[in-house]
Amino acid sequence: MPSAGPTHWTTTLREDGRVAVGPECTRLVLSLVVSGGILLVNGTRTIGHVSSGDSWDLFAYLRTILAAGAAIALLMILNNLRTRRWTVVVDSTGVTLGTQHLAWSGISRITAAKEQVILSPAPGGEELRITNNTVRDPSAFALWLATELETHH
């Protein structure tokens, strides 16, 4: 998946007809490792606590809550990967993020906000928010998308 920058994205779009970007690997791996580690440590302690029949103290409840939260986070991350929620596809028809699609003609404005790119649709449409979970440099991606929008209008 190209993520080198605007020049690479433009070249890939011209040669392959589409650019697929996402998700940003460093954040993804870190999230998976942290969630998995919290689940492993606190989950095994909770299972040991349940099987031993010891009485529950505040820390036992906290470990159980942490394990449950980590399991939920891990499942959400894996589901987002499965459904390609963090994958952006730019092609001749427009921009797609997961299951959301905005045609070039339906994009009224592209802005770079804090750590995300916002594609504003024509009135009545739903905006697309591409976060830094997908692109490493949202500002550069927003500028590149704005350039592509100009060529398609």
Protein backbone atom coordinates (compact mmCIF):
# COMPACT_ATOMS: atom_id res chain seq x y z
CA MET A 1 0.00 0.00 0.00
CA PRO A 2 1.58 3.24 -1.03
CA SER A 3 2.16 5.67 1.77
CA ALA A 4 5.36 7.38 0.69
CA GLY A 5 3.74 10.70 -0.14
CA PRO A 6 2.05 12.80 -2.82
CA THR A 7 4.48 11.92 -5.61
CA HIS A 8 4.09 8.21 -4.99
CA TRP A 9 0.30 8.51 -4.66
CA THR A 10 0.04 10.42 -7.95
CA THR A 11 2.27 7.94 -9.78
CA THR A 12 0.32 4.98 -8.41
CA LEU A 13 -3.02 6.58 -9.30
CA ARG A 14 -1.88 7.26 -12.88
CA GLU A 15 -0.32 3.82 -13.37
CA ASP A 16 -2.77 1.57 -11.50
CA GLY A 17 -5.93 3.67 -11.63
CA ARG A 18 -6.30 3.64 -7.86
CA VAL A 19 -4.45 4.29 -4.63
CA ALA A 20 -5.17 2.25 -1.51
CA VAL A 21 -3.77 3.63 1.74
CA GLY A 22 -4.13 2.34 5.25
CA PRO A 23 -3.98 1.62 8.07
CA GLU A 24 -0.84 3.21 9.48
CA CYS A 25 1.21 0.20 10.64
CA THR A 26 3.07 1.67 13.62
CA ARG A 27 -0.10 2.73 15.42
CA LEU A 28 -1.86 -0.49 14.50
CA VAL A 29 0.89 -2.75 15.80
CA LEU A 30 1.23 -0.68 18.98
CA SER A 31 -2.53 -0.86 19.60
CA LEU A 32 -2.59 -4.61 19.02
CA VAL A 33 0.41 -5.24 21.28
CA VAL A 34 -0.88 -3.04 24.11
CA SER A 35 -4.41 -4.45 23.98
CA GLY A 36 -3.13 -8.01 23.70
CA GLY A 37 -0.68 -7.51 26.57
CA ILE A 38 -3.29 -6.01 28.88
CA LEU A 39 -5.70 -8.83 28.01
CA LEU A 40 -3.06 -11.52 28.54
CA VAL A 41 -1.79 -10.24 31.88
CA ASN A 42 -5.11 -9.26 33.42
CA GLY A 43 -7.11 -12.03 31.81
CA THR A 44 -4.86 -14.78 33.13
CA ARG A 45 -4.87 -13.22 36.59
CA THR A 46 -8.66 -12.96 36.51
CA ILE A 47 -9.02 -16.59 35.43
CA GLY A 48 -6.61 -17.65 38.17
CA HIS A 49 -8.55 -15.62 40.70
CA VAL A 50 -11.88 -17.12 39.63
CA SER A 51 -10.55 -20.69 39.65
CA SER A 52 -8.91 -20.34 43.07
CA GLY A 53 -12.12 -19.18 44.72
CA ASP A 54 -10.42 -16.34 46.58
CA SER A 55 -12.48 -13.40 47.76
CA TRP A 56 -12.63 -10.42 45.43
CA ASP A 57 -10.90 -7.19 46.37
CA LEU A 58 -10.74 -3.88 44.52
CA PHE A 59 -7.71 -4.94 42.43
CA ALA A 60 -9.39 -8.17 41.32
CA TYR A 61 -12.34 -6.14 40.02
CA LEU A 62 -10.00 -3.65 38.31
CA ARG A 63 -8.05 -6.47 36.61
CA THR A 64 -11.31 -7.97 35.37
CA ILE A 65 -12.49 -4.62 34.02
CA LEU A 66 -9.11 -4.03 32.33
CA ALA A 67 -9.20 -7.50 30.76
CA ALA A 68 -12.74 -6.96 29.47
CA GLY A 69 -11.85 -3.51 28.10
CA ALA A 70 -8.74 -4.86 26.38
CA ALA A 71 -10.74 -7.72 24.85
CA ILE A 72 -13.30 -5.27 23.50
CA ALA A 73 -10.57 -2.99 22.12
CA LEU A 74 -8.82 -5.94 20.48
CA LEU A 75 -12.05 -7.15 18.89
CA MET A 76 -12.84 -3.65 17.61
CA ILE A 77 -9.37 -3.28 16.07
CA LEU A 78 -9.59 -6.69 14.41
CA ASN A 79 -13.10 -5.97 13.14
CA ASN A 80 -11.96 -2.62 11.69
CA LEU A 81 -9.17 -4.46 9.88
CA ARG A 82 -11.58 -7.14 8.64
CA THR A 83 -14.05 -4.59 7.29
CA ARG A 84 -11.26 -2.33 5.94
CA ARG A 85 -12.69 0.60 7.88
CA TRP A 86 -9.30 2.32 7.95
CA THR A 87 -8.51 1.76 4.27
CA VAL A 88 -8.81 4.73 1.91
CA VAL A 89 -9.18 4.05 -1.81
CA VAL A 90 -8.80 6.94 -4.25
CA ASP A 91 -9.70 6.25 -7.87
CA SER A 92 -11.34 7.90 -10.86
CA THR A 93 -14.80 7.69 -9.24
CA GLY A 94 -13.89 9.37 -5.95
CA VAL A 95 -12.73 8.57 -2.43
CA THR A 96 -13.79 5.51 -0.44
CA LEU A 97 -13.15 4.97 3.27
CA GLY A 98 -14.31 1.55 4.40
CA THR A 99 -17.89 1.36 3.17
CA GLN A 100 -18.37 5.13 2.73
CA HIS A 101 -17.86 6.60 -0.72
CA LEU A 102 -17.83 10.19 -1.94
CA ALA A 103 -17.78 10.80 -5.68
CA TRP A 104 -15.47 13.58 -6.89
CA SER A 105 -18.53 15.57 -7.96
CA GLY A 106 -20.00 15.23 -4.46
CA ILE A 107 -16.98 16.66 -2.63
CA SER A 108 -17.36 20.36 -1.91
CA ARG A 109 -14.27 20.93 0.26
CA ILE A 110 -11.22 19.11 1.60
CA THR A 111 -9.64 20.35 4.81
CA ALA A 112 -6.91 19.15 7.13
CA ALA A 113 -7.97 19.41 10.76
CA LYS A 114 -6.00 18.20 13.75
CA GLU A 115 -4.79 14.71 12.89
CA GLN A 116 -7.44 14.11 10.22
CA VAL A 117 -8.61 14.94 6.73
CA ILE A 118 -12.23 16.02 6.37
CA LEU A 119 -13.97 15.63 3.02
CA SER A 120 -17.08 17.81 3.10
CA PRO A 121 -19.85 16.66 0.80
CA ALA A 122 -22.47 18.62 -1.06
CA PRO A 123 -25.43 19.53 1.18
CA GLY A 124 -27.26 16.48 2.46
CA GLY A 125 -24.29 14.11 2.24
CA GLU A 126 -22.21 12.55 4.97
CA GLU A 127 -18.66 13.81 5.47
CA LEU A 128 -15.68 11.50 5.34
CA ARG A 129 -13.06 11.74 8.09
CA ILE A 130 -9.71 10.15 7.36
CA THR A 131 -7.72 10.02 10.61
CA ASN A 132 -4.05 9.56 11.28
CA ASN A 133 -4.86 5.90 11.94
CA THR A 134 -4.90 5.62 8.16
CA VAL A 135 -2.46 8.24 6.87
CA ARG A 136 0.74 9.25 8.56
CA ASP A 137 0.60 12.87 7.38
CA PRO A 138 -3.02 14.05 7.09
CA SER A 139 -1.99 17.54 5.92
CA ALA A 140 -0.02 16.18 2.96
CA PHE A 141 -2.83 13.78 2.11
CA ALA A 142 -5.39 16.61 2.24
CA LEU A 143 -3.29 18.76 -0.12
CA TRP A 144 -2.89 15.86 -2.50
CA LEU A 145 -6.62 15.09 -2.44
CA ALA A 146 -7.40 18.78 -3.07
CA THR A 147 -5.13 18.69 -6.12
CA GLU A 148 -6.86 15.53 -7.36
CA LEU A 149 -10.27 17.14 -6.74
CA GLU A 150 -9.29 20.05 -8.98
CA THR A 151 -8.35 17.67 -11.80
CA HIS A 152 -11.68 15.86 -11.53
CA HIS A 153 -13.89 18.96 -11.48
